[in-house]
Amino acid sequence: MICLTGDVHHASLHINDQRYIAEPHLTEVRIAALYARLLEKYHVKSTLYICGRCFTEEWEDLKPAATHPLVEVGG
């Protein structure tokens, strides 16, 4: 069994990991949406642990990942 998980932090947190995102227009939330598309491509389920502020500060960008049928949301 494989358990695929990931953490998604809101952009306003400004953690060190975020400075390594190569594209300036991308955020962890936007990358999570791209990640959800990869899950669909390979028919894999995943759990994303999403910071609560992502829902209030970045909902429009988060919605594709948070509502995706292959993504379980944890927090």
C-alpha atoms as a PDB file:
ATOM      1  CA  MET A   1       0.000   0.000   0.000  1.00  0.00           C
ATOM      2  CA  ILE A   2       1.183   3.502  -0.800  1.00  0.00           C
ATOM      3  CA  CYS A   3      -0.048   6.550   1.117  1.00  0.00           C
ATOM      4  CA  LEU A   4       0.553   9.681  -0.907  1.00  0.00           C
ATOM      5  CA  THR A   5       0.249  12.904   1.069  1.00  0.00           C
ATOM      6  CA  GLY A   6       1.318  16.514   0.811  1.00  0.00           C
ATOM      7  CA  ASP A   7       1.208  19.779   2.736  1.00  0.00           C
ATOM      8  CA  VAL A   8      -0.172  23.000   1.291  1.00  0.00           C
ATOM      9  CA  HIS A   9       0.619  26.299   2.997  1.00  0.00           C
ATOM     10  CA  HIS A  10      -0.926  29.694   2.340  1.00  0.00           C
ATOM     11  CA  ALA A  11       1.247  32.187   0.467  1.00  0.00           C
ATOM     12  CA  SER A  12       1.156  34.715   3.305  1.00  0.00           C
ATOM     13  CA  LEU A  13       3.027  32.276   5.551  1.00  0.00           C
ATOM     14  CA  HIS A  14       6.299  32.981   3.653  1.00  0.00           C
ATOM     15  CA  ILE A  15       8.090  29.780   4.706  1.00  0.00           C
ATOM     16  CA  ASN A  16      11.550  28.960   3.362  1.00  0.00           C
ATOM     17  CA  ASP A  17      10.253  26.238   1.029  1.00  0.00           C
ATOM     18  CA  GLN A  18       8.223  28.804  -0.885  1.00  0.00           C
ATOM     19  CA  ARG A  19      11.306  30.650  -2.079  1.00  0.00           C
ATOM     20  CA  TYR A  20      12.275  27.566  -4.117  1.00  0.00           C
ATOM     21  CA  ILE A  21       9.182  27.737  -6.309  1.00  0.00           C
ATOM     22  CA  ALA A  22      10.721  28.443  -9.695  1.00  0.00           C
ATOM     23  CA  GLU A  23       7.824  30.292 -11.315  1.00  0.00           C
ATOM     24  CA  PRO A  24       6.966  33.630  -9.680  1.00  0.00           C
ATOM     25  CA  HIS A  25       3.247  33.317 -10.494  1.00  0.00           C
ATOM     26  CA  LEU A  26       2.956  29.943  -8.740  1.00  0.00           C
ATOM     27  CA  THR A  27       2.034  29.388  -5.107  1.00  0.00           C
ATOM     28  CA  GLU A  28       1.721  26.163  -3.136  1.00  0.00           C
ATOM     29  CA  VAL A  29      -2.035  26.349  -3.672  1.00  0.00           C
ATOM     30  CA  ARG A  30      -1.690  26.697  -7.450  1.00  0.00           C
ATOM     31  CA  ILE A  31       0.811  23.848  -7.492  1.00  0.00           C
ATOM     32  CA  ALA A  32      -1.714  21.731  -5.574  1.00  0.00           C
ATOM     33  CA  ALA A  33      -4.172  22.223  -8.452  1.00  0.00           C
ATOM     34  CA  LEU A  34      -1.529  21.026 -10.923  1.00  0.00           C
ATOM     35  CA  TYR A  35      -0.821  18.100  -8.590  1.00  0.00           C
ATOM     36  CA  ALA A  36      -4.509  17.139  -8.644  1.00  0.00           C
ATOM     37  CA  ARG A  37      -4.373  16.943 -12.437  1.00  0.00           C
ATOM     38  CA  LEU A  38      -1.414  14.563 -12.183  1.00  0.00           C
ATOM     39  CA  LEU A  39      -3.385  12.396  -9.776  1.00  0.00           C
ATOM     40  CA  GLU A  40      -6.141  12.204 -12.351  1.00  0.00           C
ATOM     41  CA  LYS A  41      -3.713  11.330 -15.126  1.00  0.00           C
ATOM     42  CA  TYR A  42      -2.332   8.386 -13.140  1.00  0.00           C
ATOM     43  CA  HIS A  43      -5.554   7.429 -11.293  1.00  0.00           C
ATOM     44  CA  VAL A  44      -3.974   7.874  -7.857  1.00  0.00           C
ATOM     45  CA  LYS A  45      -5.615   9.142  -4.682  1.00  0.00           C
ATOM     46  CA  SER A  46      -3.879  11.471  -2.258  1.00  0.00           C
ATOM     47  CA  THR A  47      -4.428  13.338   0.979  1.00  0.00           C
ATOM     48  CA  LEU A  48      -3.486  17.005   1.079  1.00  0.00           C
ATOM     49  CA  TYR A  49      -3.056  18.616   4.471  1.00  0.00           C
ATOM     50  CA  ILE A  50      -4.130  22.182   3.802  1.00  0.00           C
ATOM     51  CA  CYS A  51      -3.643  25.150   6.121  1.00  0.00           C
ATOM     52  CA  GLY A  52      -6.945  26.787   7.017  1.00  0.00           C
ATOM     53  CA  ARG A  53      -5.926  30.189   5.678  1.00  0.00           C
ATOM     54  CA  CYS A  54      -5.654  28.703   2.194  1.00  0.00           C
ATOM     55  CA  PHE A  55      -9.443  28.381   2.245  1.00  0.00           C
ATOM     56  CA  THR A  56     -10.011  32.002   3.235  1.00  0.00           C
ATOM     57  CA  GLU A  57      -7.138  33.714   1.400  1.00  0.00           C
ATOM     58  CA  GLU A  58      -6.777  31.622  -1.770  1.00  0.00           C
ATOM     59  CA  TRP A  59     -10.047  29.750  -2.244  1.00  0.00           C
ATOM     60  CA  GLU A  60     -10.435  30.362  -5.984  1.00  0.00           C
ATOM     61  CA  ASP A  61      -6.986  28.871  -6.652  1.00  0.00           C
ATOM     62  CA  LEU A  62      -7.495  26.088  -4.095  1.00  0.00           C
ATOM     63  CA  LYS A  63     -10.931  24.964  -5.243  1.00  0.00           C
ATOM     64  CA  PRO A  64      -9.734  22.664  -8.085  1.00  0.00           C
ATOM     65  CA  ALA A  65      -7.544  20.684  -5.680  1.00  0.00           C
ATOM     66  CA  ALA A  66      -9.803  20.797  -2.609  1.00  0.00           C
ATOM     67  CA  THR A  67     -12.865  19.600  -4.502  1.00  0.00           C
ATOM     68  CA  HIS A  68     -11.107  17.060  -6.698  1.00  0.00           C
ATOM     69  CA  PRO A  69     -12.560  13.534  -6.260  1.00  0.00           C
ATOM     70  CA  LEU A  70      -9.094  11.978  -5.920  1.00  0.00           C
ATOM     71  CA  VAL A  71      -8.027  14.390  -3.155  1.00  0.00           C
ATOM     72  CA  GLU A  72      -8.884  13.893   0.470  1.00  0.00           C
ATOM     73  CA  VAL A  73      -8.447  17.080   2.502  1.00  0.00           C
ATOM     74  CA  GLY A  74      -6.852  16.912   5.933  1.00  0.00           C
ATOM     75  CA  GLY A  75      -5.843  19.707   8.189  1.00  0.00           C
END
